[in-house]
Amino acid sequence: MTEIYCQDLESAAARLDDALRFDRIPHTTKLFTDFLYHYDRVARFYPDYGRNAAPLTSRAIQIAQGRFDRDGVADALEHINRRAASSQLTFENISTLRRPDSVAVVTGQQAGLFTGPLYTIFKALTTIKLARCLSDQGVHAVPVFWVASEDHDFDEVNHCTIVDTDGRLSEVRYQGCGHSQDLPVGEIQLCEGIVQKIDELIGTLPHSEFLDGLRNDLTASYHANAGFAEAFSSLMARLFRDYGVVLLDPLDKGLKEIAAPLYVQAIEKSGEIAQALTRRSAELVDAGYHAQVHVSDDMVPLFIMDQGRRVALTSRDNRFFVKGSDRSFSRDELIELARNCSSCFSPNVTLRPVVQDFLLPTAAYIGGPAEIAYFAQIRAVYETLGRPLPCVLPRASMTVIEARHQKTLNKYSLNLADFFDGLHNAISKVVEKSLDRETSAIFEQTESSLNSQLDRLEQALRRTDGTLVASVRLAREKILHQIDHLKTRFVHSSARRDEAAYRQVERACTTLLPEKNLQERVLNVYYFLARYGPGLIDELYEATEIGFSNHKLVYIGAAASQVVNVP
């Protein structure tokens, strides 16, 4: 299976069995769907390689020949992964990165509480699988996960969501203990309250034989005085212990020192970078797309650490200003600071990928839809700094469907798309198809008859007094609104009479499309690990597709009999 995918990375986009095209999924951007299905429309914004294995392999060999501080980076990675208690396979992969002919397949994500949403797991699995694909082609490729420890929006990462034993969404949120605002999450220390959050998570999960092992991993990673991002890394190391993923923490001082020359170059060319990004943003908008990152002419692609906070820099008249303060630097002063105190700086979103590929021989980057859009814009930064671009490939996208929810879908002739408009839409279909077909049909006949009669009335009035046509249209709108309201009440009343059917559909909707979002963007992996155990990671790995694939539906449930007291 992997060998087939390696030969043609576009092949999965043609498979629609148990899959949905992204252009059928609400809120998917046009840039992303064109990237997947109409690449010729966006090709000028991306590298011209990587659509199948042969060019990707050739490009990987070229990337490996670049100049990198391989030993310095590997030393730092060994330190980071020792701290995370990574497996021996990870350290073997770090040794591989010391080879002059090796490359990295990289992904990255914010350090979400208890790993955050499911797509974090899918990113890692896609990266691992593509690295193995390249290895099958004779390239020494290593999977690397960039832990976004420098991000400072704690509210984006301090929570996770699961489905509780009553089939409802439940959020576990960790508030921290008085850290300062704008502090990178990698600098935030956990306090005693994290133990209660682990208890809260475990207490909300279904009881199973797997809970003790899950608790052990959680408490070994998340404990008082551990760093927030450090705990995330430790848990990821445990989840992927058999896959050798290499974790990278960009706050590591060794990596900062290696990146210092790029920081200096970014300061020297900050004006050029801002102008290039502004031009590229305009090109995207003119082509009918969106610019993912808002860029101003005074933007500097670096943050500065100011009294522990991560603060933006702006420039004008060849001087650099710290936002929100009266501090400023000349160009030479800021360059000197970057050379002597690289830890005083942090790249913003436009520079972060370039830093990544300055440190690593990145053959390919695995990103989500938003990151794919970022790269269309950020290519301008690579070009301004004279850096080679990696191939950019989308992560695997999946909805995990448990056997009980598959049974519900089959019973009521539903599919995932039926939940896109929410629970009411799905319940309406169930009532119309299964619970009260006769009354549903009468509603349809009534609406059709009313529309037909109102059409006749409107035509007659147009011949005799056209000023009344608008009144007919207003009356039609009010009448049909009342009919629709009555139909909604009927649907829910009918469904409530069959409480079992209503709850089955409601639970399926909550799990498969929580809050009208794709499951992977909301639910945490521990909901599934509690029900199906650590072997779930292997199942998801097997289901992971690399390349330009659709949104895949993954059916699981073989271990359901092992779960105790599942509602």
Foldseek 3Di string as FASTA:
>chain_A
DLLVCQAAQLVQAPDDVQFDFPVLAPPFFPVLSCVQPVVVLQVVLADPADRHNPRLLVLLQVLLQDDAPLVLLLVLLVVLCVLLVFAPLLNVLSVLSSDSQAFEAEEEDELADLQAFQVSLLQQLQRLSVQVSSVVVVGHYAYEYEHQQQDFPCVVHQKAWAQFLLLFIDMQGDPADDDDHQFRQQPGFHAACVVVSLVVVLVRAFAFPFSVVVSVQLPVLDHGGHGSSSSSSNSVSVLCNVRNYGYDYCLRPSLLLLLLVVLLVLLVCVQVQLVLLVVLQVVQVVSVGHQLDDGDNQFRQKFFQDVNHTFGWGDDPQKIDTPPDRDIGHSVRVSVCSNVPSSRMDGHPLCVVVSVVNNTSHQEYEAASSVVSSSSSSVSVCVSSVHDDHHYWYGAAEFEAEPLLVVLCVVQVHDLSQCLVHLLSVLLSSCCRPQPVPVNVVLVVVLVVVVVVLVVVLVVCCVPPNVCNVVSVVVNVVVVVVSVVVSSVVSVVRCVVVVVSSSSSSSSSCQQQNPSHGSSNHHDCVNVCSQANSCVSVQVSVVIRTHSHGHRYHYDHPRNVRGPSRD
